Full PDB file with SEQRES, HELIX, SHEET, SSBOND, CRYST1, ORIGX, SCALE, CONECT and MASTER records, all heavy atoms in Angstrom:
SEQRES   1 A   33  SER LEU ILE CYS THR VAL GLU PRO SER ILE ALA ALA VAL          
SEQRES   2 A   33  ASP ASP ALA THR ILE TYR ALA HIS LEU SER SER ILE ILE          
SEQRES   3 A   33  GLU ASP GLY GLU THR ALA PRO                                  
HELIX    1 AA1 ASP A   15  HIS A   21  1                                   7    
CRYST1    1.000    1.000    1.000  90.00  90.00  90.00 P 1           1          
ORIGX1      1.000000  0.000000  0.000000        0.00000                         
ORIGX2      0.000000  1.000000  0.000000        0.00000                         
ORIGX3      0.000000  0.000000  1.000000        0.00000                         
SCALE1      1.000000  0.000000  0.000000        0.00000                         
SCALE2      0.000000  1.000000  0.000000        0.00000                         
SCALE3      0.000000  0.000000  1.000000        0.00000                         
ATOM      1  N   SER A   1       4.786  35.417  -0.340  1.00  0.00           N  
ATOM      2  CA  SER A   1       3.879  34.277  -0.265  1.00  0.00           C  
ATOM      3  C   SER A   1       4.642  33.080   0.262  1.00  0.00           C  
ATOM      4  O   SER A   1       5.828  32.916   0.004  1.00  0.00           O  
ATOM      5  CB  SER A   1       3.284  33.967  -1.632  1.00  0.00           C  
ATOM      6  OG  SER A   1       4.306  33.640  -2.540  1.00  0.00           O  
ATOM      7  N   LEU A   2       3.957  32.286   1.026  1.00  0.00           N  
ATOM      8  CA  LEU A   2       4.547  31.073   1.574  1.00  0.00           C  
ATOM      9  C   LEU A   2       4.354  29.926   0.599  1.00  0.00           C  
ATOM     10  O   LEU A   2       3.314  29.809  -0.042  1.00  0.00           O  
ATOM     11  CB  LEU A   2       3.891  30.712   2.903  1.00  0.00           C  
ATOM     12  CG  LEU A   2       4.101  31.681   4.045  1.00  0.00           C  
ATOM     13  CD1 LEU A   2       3.266  31.260   5.256  1.00  0.00           C  
ATOM     14  CD2 LEU A   2       5.560  31.757   4.424  1.00  0.00           C  
ATOM     15  N   ILE A   3       5.355  29.073   0.500  1.00  0.00           N  
ATOM     16  CA  ILE A   3       5.271  27.889  -0.341  1.00  0.00           C  
ATOM     17  C   ILE A   3       5.539  26.690   0.546  1.00  0.00           C  
ATOM     18  O   ILE A   3       6.558  26.619   1.231  1.00  0.00           O  
ATOM     19  CB  ILE A   3       6.297  27.944  -1.490  1.00  0.00           C  
ATOM     20  CG1 ILE A   3       5.995  29.138  -2.386  1.00  0.00           C  
ATOM     21  CG2 ILE A   3       6.282  26.644  -2.280  1.00  0.00           C  
ATOM     22  CD1 ILE A   3       7.047  29.396  -3.427  1.00  0.00           C  
ATOM     23  N   CYS A   4       4.623  25.761   0.540  1.00  0.00           N  
ATOM     24  CA  CYS A   4       4.774  24.556   1.357  1.00  0.00           C  
ATOM     25  C   CYS A   4       5.791  23.641   0.676  1.00  0.00           C  
ATOM     26  O   CYS A   4       5.588  23.212  -0.460  1.00  0.00           O  
ATOM     27  CB  CYS A   4       3.435  23.843   1.514  1.00  0.00           C  
ATOM     28  SG  CYS A   4       3.491  22.476   2.676  1.00  0.00           S  
ATOM     29  N   THR A   5       6.899  23.378   1.359  1.00  0.00           N  
ATOM     30  CA  THR A   5       7.944  22.531   0.784  1.00  0.00           C  
ATOM     31  C   THR A   5       7.809  21.080   1.213  1.00  0.00           C  
ATOM     32  O   THR A   5       8.288  20.190   0.523  1.00  0.00           O  
ATOM     33  CB  THR A   5       9.342  23.049   1.170  1.00  0.00           C  
ATOM     34  OG1 THR A   5       9.441  23.100   2.591  1.00  0.00           O  
ATOM     35  CG2 THR A   5       9.584  24.428   0.593  1.00  0.00           C  
ATOM     36  N   VAL A   6       7.179  20.836   2.352  1.00  0.00           N  
ATOM     37  CA  VAL A   6       6.934  19.474   2.815  1.00  0.00           C  
ATOM     38  C   VAL A   6       5.500  19.390   3.316  1.00  0.00           C  
ATOM     39  O   VAL A   6       5.153  20.002   4.317  1.00  0.00           O  
ATOM     40  CB  VAL A   6       7.912  19.071   3.950  1.00  0.00           C  
ATOM     41  CG1 VAL A   6       7.609  17.665   4.435  1.00  0.00           C  
ATOM     42  CG2 VAL A   6       9.351  19.189   3.501  1.00  0.00           C  
ATOM     43  N   GLU A   7       4.680  18.654   2.573  1.00  0.00           N  
ATOM     44  CA  GLU A   7       3.279  18.481   2.953  1.00  0.00           C  
ATOM     45  C   GLU A   7       3.186  17.573   4.181  1.00  0.00           C  
ATOM     46  O   GLU A   7       4.100  16.788   4.450  1.00  0.00           O  
ATOM     47  CB  GLU A   7       2.495  17.855   1.803  1.00  0.00           C  
ATOM     48  CG  GLU A   7       2.304  18.777   0.611  1.00  0.00           C  
ATOM     49  CD  GLU A   7       1.340  19.910   0.884  1.00  0.00           C  
ATOM     50  OE1 GLU A   7       0.494  19.798   1.791  1.00  0.00           O  
ATOM     51  OE2 GLU A   7       1.436  20.919   0.180  1.00  0.00           O  
ATOM     52  N   PRO A   8       2.094  17.651   4.927  1.00  0.00           N  
ATOM     53  CA  PRO A   8       1.914  16.755   6.076  1.00  0.00           C  
ATOM     54  C   PRO A   8       1.994  15.290   5.628  1.00  0.00           C  
ATOM     55  O   PRO A   8       1.533  14.944   4.539  1.00  0.00           O  
ATOM     56  CB  PRO A   8       0.514  17.081   6.575  1.00  0.00           C  
ATOM     57  CG  PRO A   8       0.234  18.451   6.062  1.00  0.00           C  
ATOM     58  CD  PRO A   8       0.976  18.571   4.765  1.00  0.00           C  
ATOM     59  N   SER A   9       2.580  14.453   6.457  1.00  0.00           N  
ATOM     60  CA  SER A   9       2.749  13.046   6.092  1.00  0.00           C  
ATOM     61  C   SER A   9       1.546  12.183   6.473  1.00  0.00           C  
ATOM     62  O   SER A   9       1.463  11.025   6.081  1.00  0.00           O  
ATOM     63  CB  SER A   9       4.008  12.485   6.755  1.00  0.00           C  
ATOM     64  OG  SER A   9       3.902  12.599   8.153  1.00  0.00           O  
ATOM     65  N   ILE A  10       0.622  12.743   7.232  1.00  0.00           N  
ATOM     66  CA  ILE A  10      -0.577  12.004   7.620  1.00  0.00           C  
ATOM     67  C   ILE A  10      -1.813  12.807   7.231  1.00  0.00           C  
ATOM     68  O   ILE A  10      -1.735  14.011   6.986  1.00  0.00           O  
ATOM     69  CB  ILE A  10      -0.601  11.713   9.138  1.00  0.00           C  
ATOM     70  CG1 ILE A  10      -0.578  13.020   9.939  1.00  0.00           C  
ATOM     71  CG2 ILE A  10       0.538  10.797   9.541  1.00  0.00           C  
ATOM     72  CD1 ILE A  10      -0.785  12.831  11.421  1.00  0.00           C  
ATOM     73  N   ALA A  11      -2.948  12.137   7.171  1.00  0.00           N  
ATOM     74  CA  ALA A  11      -4.204  12.812   6.852  1.00  0.00           C  
ATOM     75  C   ALA A  11      -4.728  13.541   8.086  1.00  0.00           C  
ATOM     76  O   ALA A  11      -4.393  13.199   9.219  1.00  0.00           O  
ATOM     77  CB  ALA A  11      -5.226  11.795   6.373  1.00  0.00           C  
ATOM     78  N   ALA A  12      -5.550  14.537   7.853  1.00  0.00           N  
ATOM     79  CA  ALA A  12      -6.120  15.311   8.960  1.00  0.00           C  
ATOM     80  C   ALA A  12      -7.045  14.454   9.823  1.00  0.00           C  
ATOM     81  O   ALA A  12      -7.177  14.686  11.018  1.00  0.00           O  
ATOM     82  CB  ALA A  12      -6.874  16.515   8.412  1.00  0.00           C  
ATOM     83  N   VAL A  13      -7.678  13.462   9.213  1.00  0.00           N  
ATOM     84  CA  VAL A  13      -8.590  12.553   9.921  1.00  0.00           C  
ATOM     85  C   VAL A  13      -8.297  11.135   9.423  1.00  0.00           C  
ATOM     86  O   VAL A  13      -8.142  10.927   8.224  1.00  0.00           O  
ATOM     87  CB  VAL A  13     -10.067  12.900   9.627  1.00  0.00           C  
ATOM     88  CG1 VAL A  13     -11.006  11.989  10.377  1.00  0.00           C  
ATOM     89  CG2 VAL A  13     -10.363  14.351   9.924  1.00  0.00           C  
ATOM     90  N   ASP A  14      -8.234  10.167  10.332  1.00  0.00           N  
ATOM     91  CA  ASP A  14      -7.945   8.801   9.894  1.00  0.00           C  
ATOM     92  C   ASP A  14      -9.178   8.161   9.250  1.00  0.00           C  
ATOM     93  O   ASP A  14     -10.312   8.557   9.515  1.00  0.00           O  
ATOM     94  CB  ASP A  14      -7.415   7.948  11.050  1.00  0.00           C  
ATOM     95  CG  ASP A  14      -8.452   7.742  12.121  1.00  0.00           C  
ATOM     96  OD1 ASP A  14      -8.610   8.634  12.963  1.00  0.00           O  
ATOM     97  OD2 ASP A  14      -9.099   6.679  12.102  1.00  0.00           O  
ATOM     98  N   ASP A  15      -8.929   7.178   8.392  1.00  0.00           N  
ATOM     99  CA  ASP A  15     -10.002   6.537   7.634  1.00  0.00           C  
ATOM    100  C   ASP A  15     -11.090   5.941   8.517  1.00  0.00           C  
ATOM    101  O   ASP A  15     -12.275   6.091   8.226  1.00  0.00           O  
ATOM    102  CB  ASP A  15      -9.436   5.447   6.727  1.00  0.00           C  
ATOM    103  CG  ASP A  15      -8.598   6.004   5.588  1.00  0.00           C  
ATOM    104  OD1 ASP A  15      -8.721   7.205   5.291  1.00  0.00           O  
ATOM    105  OD2 ASP A  15      -7.831   5.221   4.997  1.00  0.00           O  
ATOM    106  N   ALA A  16     -10.713   5.268   9.591  1.00  0.00           N  
ATOM    107  CA  ALA A  16     -11.705   4.628  10.461  1.00  0.00           C  
ATOM    108  C   ALA A  16     -12.690   5.650  11.028  1.00  0.00           C  
ATOM    109  O   ALA A  16     -13.897   5.389  11.108  1.00  0.00           O  
ATOM    110  CB  ALA A  16     -11.006   3.872  11.592  1.00  0.00           C  
ATOM    111  N   THR A  17     -12.188   6.821  11.397  1.00  0.00           N  
ATOM    112  CA  THR A  17     -13.052   7.870  11.937  1.00  0.00           C  
ATOM    113  C   THR A  17     -14.018   8.374  10.874  1.00  0.00           C  
ATOM    114  O   THR A  17     -15.214   8.570  11.139  1.00  0.00           O  
ATOM    115  CB  THR A  17     -12.208   9.034  12.484  1.00  0.00           C  
ATOM    116  OG1 THR A  17     -11.340   8.536  13.497  1.00  0.00           O  
ATOM    117  CG2 THR A  17     -13.077  10.137  13.045  1.00  0.00           C  
ATOM    118  N   ILE A  18     -13.511   8.577   9.669  1.00  0.00           N  
ATOM    119  CA  ILE A  18     -14.369   9.049   8.570  1.00  0.00           C  
ATOM    120  C   ILE A  18     -15.451   8.019   8.274  1.00  0.00           C  
ATOM    121  O   ILE A  18     -16.630   8.356   8.160  1.00  0.00           O  
ATOM    122  CB  ILE A  18     -13.543   9.322   7.303  1.00  0.00           C  
ATOM    123  CG1 ILE A  18     -12.608  10.504   7.533  1.00  0.00           C  
ATOM    124  CG2 ILE A  18     -14.439   9.576   6.097  1.00  0.00           C  
ATOM    125  CD1 ILE A  18     -11.607  10.710   6.434  1.00  0.00           C  
ATOM    126  N   TYR A  19     -15.055   6.746   8.129  1.00  0.00           N  
ATOM    127  CA  TYR A  19     -16.025   5.700   7.804  1.00  0.00           C  
ATOM    128  C   TYR A  19     -17.096   5.587   8.884  1.00  0.00           C  
ATOM    129  O   TYR A  19     -18.275   5.418   8.586  1.00  0.00           O  
ATOM    130  CB  TYR A  19     -15.339   4.352   7.611  1.00  0.00           C  
ATOM    131  CG  TYR A  19     -14.303   4.333   6.502  1.00  0.00           C  
ATOM    132  CD1 TYR A  19     -13.259   3.434   6.531  1.00  0.00           C  
ATOM    133  CD2 TYR A  19     -14.351   5.223   5.434  1.00  0.00           C  
ATOM    134  CE1 TYR A  19     -12.298   3.395   5.530  1.00  0.00           C  
ATOM    135  CE2 TYR A  19     -13.391   5.212   4.441  1.00  0.00           C  
ATOM    136  CZ  TYR A  19     -12.371   4.290   4.488  1.00  0.00           C  
ATOM    137  OH  TYR A  19     -11.424   4.266   3.501  1.00  0.00           O  
ATOM    138  N   ALA A  20     -16.699   5.679  10.140  1.00  0.00           N  
ATOM    139  CA  ALA A  20     -17.666   5.602  11.235  1.00  0.00           C  
ATOM    140  C   ALA A  20     -18.616   6.796  11.211  1.00  0.00           C  
ATOM    141  O   ALA A  20     -19.829   6.639  11.388  1.00  0.00           O  
ATOM    142  CB  ALA A  20     -16.938   5.535  12.575  1.00  0.00           C  
ATOM    143  N   HIS A  21     -18.071   7.982  10.976  1.00  0.00           N  
ATOM    144  CA  HIS A  21     -18.901   9.183  10.950  1.00  0.00           C  
ATOM    145  C   HIS A  21     -19.914   9.137   9.804  1.00  0.00           C  
ATOM    146  O   HIS A  21     -21.052   9.576   9.960  1.00  0.00           O  
ATOM    147  CB  HIS A  21     -18.018  10.422  10.821  1.00  0.00           C  
ATOM    148  CG  HIS A  21     -18.783  11.700  10.796  1.00  0.00           C  
ATOM    149  ND1 HIS A  21     -19.381  12.232  11.921  1.00  0.00           N  
ATOM    150  CD2 HIS A  21     -19.076  12.544   9.786  1.00  0.00           C  
ATOM    151  CE1 HIS A  21     -19.996  13.358  11.596  1.00  0.00           C  
ATOM    152  NE2 HIS A  21     -19.827  13.563  10.308  1.00  0.00           N  
ATOM    153  N   LEU A  22     -19.476   8.611   8.669  1.00  0.00           N  
ATOM    154  CA  LEU A  22     -20.363   8.526   7.507  1.00  0.00           C  
ATOM    155  C   LEU A  22     -21.260   7.294   7.525  1.00  0.00           C  
ATOM    156  O   LEU A  22     -22.055   7.095   6.619  1.00  0.00           O  
ATOM    157  CB  LEU A  22     -19.526   8.520   6.217  1.00  0.00           C  
ATOM    158  CG  LEU A  22     -18.723   9.782   5.945  1.00  0.00           C  
ATOM    159  CD1 LEU A  22     -17.846   9.586   4.716  1.00  0.00           C  
ATOM    160  CD2 LEU A  22     -19.650  10.972   5.761  1.00  0.00           C  
ATOM    161  N   SER A  23     -21.107   6.465   8.553  1.00  0.00           N  
ATOM    162  CA  SER A  23     -21.847   5.189   8.647  1.00  0.00           C  
ATOM    163  C   SER A  23     -21.641   4.357   7.389  1.00  0.00           C  
ATOM    164  O   SER A  23     -22.586   3.789   6.834  1.00  0.00           O  
ATOM    165  CB  SER A  23     -23.338   5.440   8.880  1.00  0.00           C  
ATOM    166  OG  SER A  23     -23.535   6.165  10.064  1.00  0.00           O  
ATOM    167  N   SER A  24     -20.400   4.321   6.912  1.00  0.00           N  
ATOM    168  CA  SER A  24     -20.063   3.555   5.712  1.00  0.00           C  
ATOM    169  C   SER A  24     -20.256   2.067   5.969  1.00  0.00           C  
ATOM    170  O   SER A  24     -19.958   1.558   7.038  1.00  0.00           O  
ATOM    171  CB  SER A  24     -18.608   3.806   5.300  1.00  0.00           C  
ATOM    172  OG  SER A  24     -18.439   5.141   4.925  1.00  0.00           O  
ATOM    173  N   ILE A  25     -20.745   1.384   4.953  1.00  0.00           N  
ATOM    174  CA  ILE A  25     -20.954  -0.056   5.050  1.00  0.00           C  
ATOM    175  C   ILE A  25     -19.684  -0.753   4.578  1.00  0.00           C  
ATOM    176  O   ILE A  25     -19.233  -0.567   3.454  1.00  0.00           O  
ATOM    177  CB  ILE A  25     -22.151  -0.498   4.195  1.00  0.00           C  
ATOM    178  CG1 ILE A  25     -23.427   0.165   4.722  1.00  0.00           C  
ATOM    179  CG2 ILE A  25     -22.270  -2.017   4.182  1.00  0.00           C  
ATOM    180  CD1 ILE A  25     -24.631  -0.027   3.841  1.00  0.00           C  
ATOM    181  N   ILE A  26     -19.101  -1.544   5.477  1.00  0.00           N  
ATOM    182  CA  ILE A  26     -17.904  -2.304   5.149  1.00  0.00           C  
ATOM    183  C   ILE A  26     -18.285  -3.781   5.222  1.00  0.00           C  
ATOM    184  O   ILE A  26     -18.682  -4.291   6.268  1.00  0.00           O  
ATOM    185  CB  ILE A  26     -16.750  -1.978   6.118  1.00  0.00           C  
ATOM    186  CG1 ILE A  26     -16.416  -0.479   6.028  1.00  0.00           C  
ATOM    187  CG2 ILE A  26     -15.531  -2.835   5.810  1.00  0.00           C  
ATOM    188  CD1 ILE A  26     -15.347  -0.021   6.997  1.00  0.00           C  
ATOM    189  N   GLU A  27     -18.193  -4.443   4.075  1.00  0.00           N  
ATOM    190  CA  GLU A  27     -18.571  -5.861   3.986  1.00  0.00           C  
ATOM    191  C   GLU A  27     -17.609  -6.727   4.797  1.00  0.00           C  
ATOM    192  O   GLU A  27     -16.464  -6.347   5.036  1.00  0.00           O  
ATOM    193  CB  GLU A  27     -18.565  -6.310   2.520  1.00  0.00           C  
ATOM    194  CG  GLU A  27     -19.516  -5.525   1.618  1.00  0.00           C  
ATOM    195  CD  GLU A  27     -20.981  -5.746   1.943  1.00  0.00           C  
ATOM    196  OE1 GLU A  27     -21.329  -6.842   2.432  1.00  0.00           O  
ATOM    197  OE2 GLU A  27     -21.773  -4.821   1.718  1.00  0.00           O  
ATOM    198  N   ASP A  28     -18.073  -7.892   5.198  1.00  0.00           N  
ATOM    199  CA  ASP A  28     -17.226  -8.833   5.945  1.00  0.00           C  
ATOM    200  C   ASP A  28     -15.960  -9.142   5.150  1.00  0.00           C  
ATOM    201  O   ASP A  28     -16.013  -9.387   3.945  1.00  0.00           O  
ATOM    202  CB  ASP A  28     -17.991 -10.130   6.220  1.00  0.00           C  
ATOM    203  CG  ASP A  28     -19.072  -9.944   7.258  1.00  0.00           C  
ATOM    204  OD1 ASP A  28     -18.964  -8.986   8.055  1.00  0.00           O  
ATOM    205  OD2 ASP A  28     -20.029 -10.745   7.279  1.00  0.00           O  
ATOM    206  N   GLY A  29     -14.837  -9.102   5.824  1.00  0.00           N  
ATOM    207  CA  GLY A  29     -13.562  -9.402   5.190  1.00  0.00           C  
ATOM    208  C   GLY A  29     -12.931  -8.224   4.472  1.00  0.00           C  
ATOM    209  O   GLY A  29     -11.795  -8.305   4.026  1.00  0.00           O  
ATOM    210  N   GLU A  30     -13.635  -7.131   4.342  1.00  0.00           N  
ATOM    211  CA  GLU A  30     -13.108  -5.937   3.683  1.00  0.00           C  
ATOM    212  C   GLU A  30     -12.551  -4.981   4.726  1.00  0.00           C  
ATOM    213  O   GLU A  30     -12.941  -5.010   5.886  1.00  0.00           O  
ATOM    214  CB  GLU A  30     -14.202  -5.235   2.875  1.00  0.00           C  
ATOM    215  CG  GLU A  30     -14.789  -6.061   1.757  1.00  0.00           C  
ATOM    216  CD  GLU A  30     -13.805  -6.322   0.637  1.00  0.00           C  
ATOM    217  OE1 GLU A  30     -13.017  -5.419   0.311  1.00  0.00           O  
ATOM    218  OE2 GLU A  30     -13.802  -7.443   0.107  1.00  0.00           O  
ATOM    219  N   THR A  31     -11.643  -4.097   4.306  1.00  0.00           N  
ATOM    220  CA  THR A  31     -11.073  -3.124   5.235  1.00  0.00           C  
ATOM    221  C   THR A  31     -11.568  -1.709   4.958  1.00  0.00           C  
ATOM    222  O   THR A  31     -11.302  -0.804   5.736  1.00  0.00           O  
ATOM    223  CB  THR A  31      -9.533  -3.130   5.148  1.00  0.00           C  
ATOM    224  OG1 THR A  31      -9.146  -2.845   3.797  1.00  0.00           O  
ATOM    225  CG2 THR A  31      -8.974  -4.478   5.573  1.00  0.00           C  
ATOM    226  N   ALA A  32     -12.275  -1.514   3.847  1.00  0.00           N  
ATOM    227  CA  ALA A  32     -12.772  -0.190   3.477  1.00  0.00           C  
ATOM    228  C   ALA A  32     -14.072  -0.343   2.689  1.00  0.00           C  
ATOM    229  O   ALA A  32     -14.313  -1.384   2.079  1.00  0.00           O  
ATOM    230  CB  ALA A  32     -11.734   0.544   2.636  1.00  0.00           C  
ATOM    231  N   PRO A  33     -14.907   0.687   2.687  1.00  0.00           N  
ATOM    232  CA  PRO A  33     -16.146   0.622   1.912  1.00  0.00           C  
ATOM    233  C   PRO A  33     -15.861   0.708   0.412  1.00  0.00           C  
ATOM    234  O   PRO A  33     -14.764   1.072  -0.009  1.00  0.00           O  
ATOM    235  CB  PRO A  33     -16.936   1.845   2.401  1.00  0.00           C  
ATOM    236  CG  PRO A  33     -15.893   2.793   2.873  1.00  0.00           C  
ATOM    237  CD  PRO A  33     -14.786   1.950   3.417  1.00  0.00           C  
TER     238      PRO A  33                                                      
MASTER        0    0    0    1    0    0    0    6  237    1    0    3          
END                                                                             
């Protein structure tokens, strides 16, 4: 069996792409929903 010794350092999808795809509402002055 393989054991992952070093996990990926970045996410598979960046936050901005996820928020846009989900049509997340981000209030003025905020950086995330």
